[in-house]
Amino acid sequence: MEESVSRLLTEELIQKALSLFAATEKEPKKLGDFENYAFEVYRNGIPFVLRLTHSSHRAMDQIESELDWLNFLSDQKVNVCRALPSISGNYVEALVSEDTFFYACLFKKANGKNVRTDDFNDALFYEWGKLVGKINHATKNYQKPDHITKRPEWDEEDLVLIEKYLPADDKVVIEKGKALLQQIQQLETNPDSYGLIHSDVHSGNFFIENGEIEVFDFDDCSYHWFASDIAIPIYYAVWFNMALESKEERSEFAQNFARQLLKGYYEENYIDPYWIRQIPLFFKLRDLTLYSVFHKKEDLSKASERLLKLVSDIKNRLLLDEAIADIDFELIMKEIEKVDK
């Protein structure tokens, strides 16, 4: 989190948020602080997650629209961590901090445990795909209430404004990034391929218990192509697996991961194979987004060797117009078609 935001989050403000959601039984345990502050808290002996979002990151009406869609998915029996109201019956509570705000929300805590790369296996990849398919399928029936603000389109997000965060000497990356954005903006949109998506279903955003996945962190949800929701799990599974040092190793792993993921996905939602072939574009878009994130959130002059290598690898892929892994999606789709027959 930026230092300018961190100094505004006082102990008094945290305690106020806890009282608004009647979660004052134990000292809150910090779970994360990258784009939002998340704390494990307790109410009536049950663990929940309290999230505090600064107004520089999201407006209150955008959080309300996130939670409306999240709870819609929960009502549709998708395994997500729904939001719960405060003691005043509000899903979002605003807390003043100097001339800014923090917005507090409470969520069900996911059952089970987080997944590490050592836990990766075909059964997990298959269930992962089923979950993404369920989200994409359910959202086709989502009707935004009139009083709820529409979530942003993918290209309205702040991090797409690459010139805002990238240094001026990254001119070539900026030019290539703009060309990529223009290419994606020309893609067709229709209800069978485009709608509200989670945008970040990687292994850090779900827990698993008895083979069942429960997903959380819908902060990045936006109107986007469903193919991007498929691309992101593959991208991060490769990115998190530091043992995959060469592109050949990454591609071999990604081929199998994508195969199992798509088998699960197609059991829950149909998407035209044309969009599967566009997934490398969304790999590149995530590279561009992360490159912006790191320049926004991190002081790279003080970064660790590991982070500097990650940023350098992303930059090289952007300059070479390469995807993080090469996958034969045509082969995968033929295999899935044979299974369906």
Protein backbone atom coordinates (compact mmCIF):
# COMPACT_ATOMS: atom_id res chain seq x y z
CA MET A 1 0.00 0.00 0.00
CA GLU A 2 1.23 3.52 -0.75
CA GLU A 3 2.75 5.28 2.26
CA SER A 4 0.38 8.23 1.82
CA VAL A 5 -2.55 5.85 2.42
CA SER A 6 -0.94 3.76 5.17
CA ARG A 7 -0.52 6.75 7.48
CA LEU A 8 -4.27 7.46 7.29
CA LEU A 9 -5.28 4.04 8.62
CA THR A 10 -5.22 4.68 12.36
CA GLU A 11 -6.01 2.24 15.15
CA GLU A 12 -8.99 4.42 16.05
CA LEU A 13 -10.39 4.07 12.53
CA ILE A 14 -9.94 0.27 12.57
CA GLN A 15 -11.75 0.05 15.91
CA LYS A 16 -14.60 2.17 14.53
CA ALA A 17 -14.95 -0.18 11.57
CA LEU A 18 -14.98 -3.20 13.89
CA SER A 19 -17.76 -1.70 16.00
CA LEU A 20 -19.89 -0.89 12.93
CA PHE A 21 -19.87 -4.60 12.06
CA ALA A 22 -20.04 -5.84 15.68
CA ALA A 23 -16.70 -7.60 15.27
CA THR A 24 -14.86 -6.55 18.42
CA GLU A 25 -14.36 -9.92 20.13
CA LYS A 26 -10.66 -10.36 19.31
CA GLU A 27 -7.77 -8.31 18.03
CA PRO A 28 -7.99 -8.18 14.23
CA LYS A 29 -5.36 -10.17 12.35
CA LYS A 30 -4.03 -8.46 9.21
CA LEU A 31 -4.34 -10.69 6.15
CA GLY A 32 -3.22 -8.31 3.40
CA ASP A 33 -2.53 -4.68 2.50
CA PHE A 34 -1.68 -4.48 -1.20
CA GLU A 35 -4.70 -2.72 -2.73
CA ASN A 36 -7.04 -3.07 0.26
CA TYR A 37 -6.54 -3.75 3.94
CA ALA A 38 -8.00 -7.10 4.98
CA PHE A 39 -8.33 -8.36 8.55
CA GLU A 40 -9.58 -11.58 10.07
CA VAL A 41 -12.15 -10.57 12.69
CA TYR A 42 -14.72 -12.37 14.83
CA ARG A 43 -18.43 -11.94 15.45
CA ASN A 44 -20.29 -14.35 17.73
CA GLY A 45 -17.22 -16.57 17.69
CA ILE A 46 -17.27 -16.93 13.89
CA PRO A 47 -14.39 -15.66 11.73
CA PHE A 48 -15.09 -13.08 9.03
CA VAL A 49 -12.95 -10.85 6.83
CA LEU A 50 -13.14 -7.09 7.32
CA ARG A 51 -11.95 -5.11 4.30
CA LEU A 52 -10.98 -1.45 4.36
CA THR A 53 -10.67 0.29 0.99
CA HIS A 54 -9.26 3.78 0.61
CA SER A 55 -11.18 6.27 -1.52
CA SER A 56 -8.13 6.71 -3.77
CA HIS A 57 -8.63 3.10 -4.87
CA ARG A 58 -12.41 2.74 -5.18
CA ALA A 59 -15.43 5.01 -4.86
CA MET A 60 -18.21 3.92 -2.53
CA ASP A 61 -20.71 3.31 -5.33
CA GLN A 62 -18.24 1.00 -7.10
CA ILE A 63 -17.88 -1.09 -3.95
CA GLU A 64 -21.65 -1.27 -3.61
CA SER A 65 -21.91 -2.55 -7.18
CA GLU A 66 -19.18 -5.14 -6.52
CA LEU A 67 -21.08 -6.46 -3.50
CA ASP A 68 -24.41 -6.51 -5.31
CA TRP A 69 -22.97 -8.79 -8.00
CA LEU A 70 -21.06 -10.88 -5.45
CA ASN A 71 -24.22 -11.58 -3.46
CA PHE A 72 -26.13 -12.29 -6.68
CA LEU A 73 -23.59 -15.02 -7.46
CA SER A 74 -23.98 -16.39 -3.94
CA ASP A 75 -27.76 -16.47 -4.41
CA GLN A 76 -27.15 -18.43 -7.63
CA LYS A 77 -25.30 -21.08 -5.57
CA VAL A 78 -21.86 -20.12 -6.87
CA ASN A 79 -19.32 -20.83 -4.14
CA VAL A 80 -18.25 -17.28 -3.26
CA CYS A 81 -17.71 -15.45 0.03
CA ARG A 82 -20.75 -13.20 0.24
CA ALA A 83 -20.86 -9.78 1.89
CA LEU A 84 -22.73 -9.20 5.13
CA PRO A 85 -24.45 -6.04 6.39
CA SER A 86 -23.30 -3.81 9.26
CA ILE A 87 -25.36 -3.35 12.41
CA SER A 88 -27.08 -0.48 10.56
CA GLY A 89 -27.98 -2.75 7.64
CA ASN A 90 -25.43 -1.24 5.24
CA TYR A 91 -23.08 -3.34 3.15
CA VAL A 92 -20.56 -0.48 2.93
CA GLU A 93 -19.74 1.93 5.75
CA ALA A 94 -17.80 5.14 5.09
CA LEU A 95 -15.17 6.28 7.63
CA VAL A 96 -13.63 9.75 7.42
CA SER A 97 -9.84 10.05 7.53
CA GLU A 98 -8.68 13.66 7.14
CA ASP A 99 -10.10 14.78 3.78
CA THR A 100 -10.46 11.20 2.46
CA PHE A 101 -12.46 8.07 3.30
CA PHE A 102 -12.00 4.41 4.06
CA TYR A 103 -14.89 2.14 3.08
CA ALA A 104 -15.49 -0.85 5.34
CA CYS A 105 -17.12 -4.16 4.28
CA LEU A 106 -17.52 -7.53 5.96
CA PHE A 107 -17.30 -10.87 4.16
CA LYS A 108 -17.80 -14.51 4.99
CA LYS A 109 -14.41 -16.14 5.53
CA ALA A 110 -13.71 -18.93 3.08
CA ASN A 111 -13.66 -22.49 4.33
CA GLY A 112 -10.50 -24.56 4.06
CA LYS A 113 -6.98 -23.40 3.29
CA ASN A 114 -5.11 -21.55 0.60
CA VAL A 115 -3.46 -23.40 -2.27
CA ARG A 116 0.27 -23.43 -2.99
CA THR A 117 2.02 -24.59 -6.12
CA ASP A 118 2.97 -27.81 -4.29
CA ASP A 119 -0.77 -28.55 -4.12
CA PHE A 120 -1.29 -28.21 -7.87
CA ASN A 121 -2.81 -31.25 -9.56
CA ASP A 122 -5.20 -32.09 -12.39
CA ALA A 123 -8.23 -32.50 -10.09
CA LEU A 124 -7.69 -28.98 -8.72
CA PHE A 125 -7.28 -27.49 -12.21
CA TYR A 126 -10.53 -29.15 -13.31
CA GLU A 127 -12.50 -27.81 -10.30
CA TRP A 128 -10.89 -24.40 -10.84
CA GLY A 129 -12.24 -24.37 -14.39
CA LYS A 130 -15.71 -25.42 -13.21
CA LEU A 131 -15.78 -22.51 -10.76
CA VAL A 132 -14.83 -19.95 -13.42
CA GLY A 133 -17.41 -21.47 -15.77
CA LYS A 134 -20.11 -21.18 -13.09
CA ILE A 135 -19.30 -17.50 -12.51
CA ASN A 136 -19.37 -16.70 -16.24
CA HIS A 137 -22.58 -18.67 -16.78
CA ALA A 138 -24.41 -17.11 -13.83
CA THR A 139 -23.49 -13.54 -14.74
CA LYS A 140 -25.37 -13.83 -18.05
CA ASN A 141 -28.56 -13.57 -15.98
CA TYR A 142 -27.41 -10.68 -13.80
CA GLN A 143 -29.54 -7.56 -14.06
CA LYS A 144 -28.06 -4.53 -12.33
CA PRO A 145 -30.64 -2.81 -10.10
CA ASP A 146 -31.40 0.78 -11.08
CA HIS A 147 -29.96 2.16 -7.83
CA ILE A 148 -26.62 0.36 -8.34
CA THR A 149 -23.80 2.01 -10.29
CA LYS A 150 -22.41 -0.03 -13.17
CA ARG A 151 -18.99 -1.55 -12.61
CA PRO A 152 -16.30 -0.23 -14.98
CA GLU A 153 -15.51 -1.62 -18.39
CA TRP A 154 -12.09 -3.28 -18.49
CA ASP A 155 -10.51 -0.31 -20.28
CA GLU A 156 -11.90 2.22 -17.80
CA GLU A 157 -9.71 0.85 -15.02
CA ASP A 158 -7.00 3.17 -13.74
CA LEU A 159 -4.12 0.77 -14.44
CA VAL A 160 -4.84 0.76 -18.18
CA LEU A 161 -3.62 4.36 -18.22
CA ILE A 162 -0.08 3.12 -18.64
CA GLU A 163 1.52 6.53 -19.25
CA LYS A 164 0.31 7.61 -15.81
CA TYR A 165 2.57 5.12 -14.03
CA LEU A 166 5.36 4.09 -16.39
CA PRO A 167 8.58 6.10 -16.54
CA ALA A 168 9.14 8.24 -19.61
CA ASP A 169 12.14 6.12 -20.68
CA ASP A 170 9.75 3.18 -21.11
CA LYS A 171 8.62 4.73 -24.38
CA VAL A 172 8.73 1.49 -26.40
CA VAL A 173 6.74 -0.41 -23.76
CA ILE A 174 4.17 2.39 -23.71
CA GLU A 175 3.84 2.30 -27.50
CA LYS A 176 3.50 -1.48 -27.56
CA GLY A 177 1.04 -1.32 -24.67
CA LYS A 178 -1.16 1.16 -26.52
CA ALA A 179 -1.11 -1.04 -29.62
CA LEU A 180 -2.17 -4.06 -27.53
CA LEU A 181 -5.03 -2.11 -25.94
CA GLN A 182 -6.25 -0.98 -29.36
CA GLN A 183 -6.15 -4.54 -30.66
CA ILE A 184 -8.25 -5.81 -27.75
CA GLN A 185 -10.69 -2.91 -27.96
CA GLN A 186 -11.56 -4.01 -31.49
CA LEU A 187 -12.82 -7.41 -30.32
CA GLU A 188 -16.56 -8.03 -30.55
CA THR A 189 -18.69 -7.93 -27.41
CA ASN A 190 -21.90 -9.94 -26.92
CA PRO A 191 -23.64 -11.54 -23.90
CA ASP A 192 -22.22 -14.97 -24.69
CA SER A 193 -18.62 -13.78 -24.54
CA TYR A 194 -18.59 -10.56 -22.51
CA GLY A 195 -19.96 -9.56 -19.11
CA LEU A 196 -19.05 -9.02 -15.48
CA ILE A 197 -16.07 -11.19 -14.53
CA HIS A 198 -14.04 -11.68 -11.36
CA SER A 199 -10.85 -10.73 -13.25
CA ASP A 200 -8.47 -12.27 -10.70
CA VAL A 201 -9.31 -15.95 -10.00
CA HIS A 202 -5.78 -17.00 -9.12
CA SER A 203 -4.81 -19.38 -6.32
CA GLY A 204 -4.32 -16.52 -3.87
CA ASN A 205 -8.00 -15.64 -4.11
CA PHE A 206 -9.64 -18.88 -3.10
CA PHE A 207 -9.50 -21.55 -0.40
CA ILE A 208 -10.18 -25.24 -0.89
CA GLU A 209 -11.74 -27.78 1.46
CA ASN A 210 -12.51 -31.39 0.56
CA GLY A 211 -11.92 -30.60 -3.09
CA GLU A 212 -14.39 -27.68 -3.08
CA ILE A 213 -13.18 -24.20 -4.02
CA GLU A 214 -14.56 -21.02 -2.43
CA VAL A 215 -13.51 -17.77 -4.10
CA PHE A 216 -13.15 -14.26 -2.66
CA ASP A 217 -11.69 -10.81 -3.48
CA PHE A 218 -13.99 -9.42 -6.16
CA ASP A 219 -12.38 -5.97 -5.93
CA ASP A 220 -11.16 -6.11 -9.55
CA CYS A 221 -14.46 -7.25 -11.09
CA SER A 222 -15.26 -5.44 -14.32
CA TYR A 223 -17.01 -5.86 -17.65
CA HIS A 224 -14.61 -7.92 -19.70
CA TRP A 225 -14.39 -10.91 -22.00
CA PHE A 226 -15.01 -14.27 -20.33
CA ALA A 227 -11.82 -15.44 -22.04
CA SER A 228 -9.87 -13.14 -19.71
CA ASP A 229 -11.35 -14.94 -16.69
CA ILE A 230 -9.97 -18.16 -18.21
CA ALA A 231 -6.60 -16.61 -19.03
CA ILE A 232 -5.90 -15.25 -15.55
CA PRO A 233 -5.77 -18.60 -13.67
CA ILE A 234 -3.41 -20.00 -16.32
CA TYR A 235 -1.23 -16.89 -16.27
CA TYR A 236 -0.81 -16.83 -12.50
CA ALA A 237 -0.39 -20.59 -12.14
CA VAL A 238 2.62 -20.25 -14.45
CA TRP A 239 3.82 -17.02 -12.83
CA PHE A 240 3.61 -18.33 -9.25
CA ASN A 241 5.45 -21.54 -10.13
CA MET A 242 9.02 -20.33 -9.76
CA ALA A 243 10.37 -23.81 -10.60
CA LEU A 244 9.41 -23.20 -14.23
CA GLU A 245 12.57 -21.39 -15.23
CA SER A 246 12.47 -21.75 -19.02
CA LYS A 247 9.70 -20.88 -21.42
CA GLU A 248 9.62 -24.52 -22.53
CA GLU A 249 8.91 -25.63 -18.96
CA ARG A 250 6.27 -22.92 -18.55
CA SER A 251 4.59 -23.92 -21.79
CA GLU A 252 4.54 -27.63 -20.95
CA PHE A 253 2.95 -26.93 -17.57
CA ALA A 254 0.51 -24.40 -19.06
CA GLN A 255 -0.60 -26.85 -21.76
CA ASN A 256 -1.75 -29.39 -19.17
CA PHE A 257 -3.16 -26.75 -16.82
CA ALA A 258 -5.23 -25.19 -19.63
CA ARG A 259 -6.43 -28.64 -20.77
CA GLN A 260 -7.80 -29.55 -17.32
CA LEU A 261 -9.13 -26.05 -16.62
CA LEU A 262 -11.07 -25.94 -19.89
CA LYS A 263 -12.49 -29.42 -19.37
CA GLY A 264 -14.04 -28.15 -16.15
CA TYR A 265 -15.06 -24.82 -17.63
CA TYR A 266 -16.97 -26.33 -20.54
CA GLU A 267 -19.03 -28.43 -18.14
CA GLU A 268 -20.47 -25.20 -16.72
CA ASN A 269 -20.40 -22.67 -19.55
CA TYR A 270 -20.08 -22.73 -23.32
CA ILE A 271 -17.85 -20.22 -25.05
CA ASP A 272 -17.11 -20.17 -28.77
CA PRO A 273 -13.64 -21.66 -29.45
CA TYR A 274 -12.77 -18.39 -31.21
CA TRP A 275 -12.41 -16.81 -27.76
CA ILE A 276 -10.14 -19.56 -26.51
CA ARG A 277 -7.77 -18.68 -29.34
CA GLN A 278 -7.69 -15.07 -28.06
CA ILE A 279 -6.38 -16.06 -24.62
CA PRO A 280 -2.73 -15.13 -25.47
CA LEU A 281 -3.94 -11.53 -25.93
CA PHE A 282 -5.23 -11.57 -22.37
CA PHE A 283 -1.94 -13.02 -21.13
CA LYS A 284 -0.23 -9.97 -22.64
CA LEU A 285 -2.84 -7.62 -21.17
CA ARG A 286 -2.16 -9.01 -17.70
CA ASP A 287 1.56 -8.45 -18.23
CA LEU A 288 0.82 -4.83 -19.11
CA THR A 289 -1.47 -4.39 -16.10
CA LEU A 290 1.06 -5.89 -13.69
CA TYR A 291 3.82 -3.73 -15.12
CA SER A 292 1.67 -0.69 -14.28
CA VAL A 293 0.81 -2.10 -10.82
CA PHE A 294 4.44 -2.53 -9.84
CA HIS A 295 5.33 0.98 -10.96
CA LYS A 296 2.36 2.38 -9.06
CA LYS A 297 2.70 0.40 -5.83
CA GLU A 298 6.42 -0.31 -5.44
CA ASP A 299 9.56 1.75 -5.09
CA LEU A 300 11.55 -0.30 -7.57
CA SER A 301 14.78 1.44 -6.58
CA LYS A 302 14.46 -0.43 -3.26
CA ALA A 303 12.90 -3.62 -4.60
CA SER A 304 14.16 -7.13 -3.91
CA GLU A 305 16.13 -9.05 -6.49
CA ARG A 306 13.16 -11.37 -7.00
CA LEU A 307 10.74 -8.51 -7.69
CA LEU A 308 13.17 -6.80 -10.03
CA LYS A 309 13.51 -10.04 -12.01
CA LEU A 310 9.71 -10.39 -12.25
CA VAL A 311 9.39 -6.84 -13.52
CA SER A 312 12.28 -7.33 -15.94
CA ASP A 313 10.74 -10.54 -17.31
CA ILE A 314 7.41 -8.79 -17.86
CA LYS A 315 9.10 -5.90 -19.64
CA ASN A 316 11.02 -8.26 -21.94
CA ARG A 317 7.82 -10.10 -22.89
CA LEU A 318 6.08 -6.81 -23.66
CA LEU A 319 8.98 -5.64 -25.81
CA LEU A 320 9.08 -8.96 -27.68
CA ASP A 321 5.27 -9.20 -27.93
CA GLU A 322 5.41 -12.63 -26.30
CA ALA A 323 2.91 -14.43 -24.07
CA ILE A 324 4.03 -15.87 -20.74
CA ALA A 325 3.60 -19.39 -22.20
CA ASP A 326 2.84 -20.98 -25.56
CA ILE A 327 -0.26 -23.19 -25.54
CA ASP A 328 -1.74 -25.23 -28.39
CA PHE A 329 -5.38 -24.31 -27.79
CA GLU A 330 -6.47 -25.92 -31.05
CA LEU A 331 -5.25 -29.29 -29.74
CA ILE A 332 -7.01 -28.78 -26.41
CA MET A 333 -10.31 -27.90 -28.07
CA LYS A 334 -10.11 -31.02 -30.28
CA GLU A 335 -9.56 -33.12 -27.16
CA ILE A 336 -12.54 -31.53 -25.42
CA GLU A 337 -14.75 -32.04 -28.49
CA LYS A 338 -13.84 -35.76 -28.50
CA VAL A 339 -14.83 -36.04 -24.82
CA ASP A 340 -18.16 -34.29 -25.51
CA LYS A 341 -18.92 -36.75 -28.31
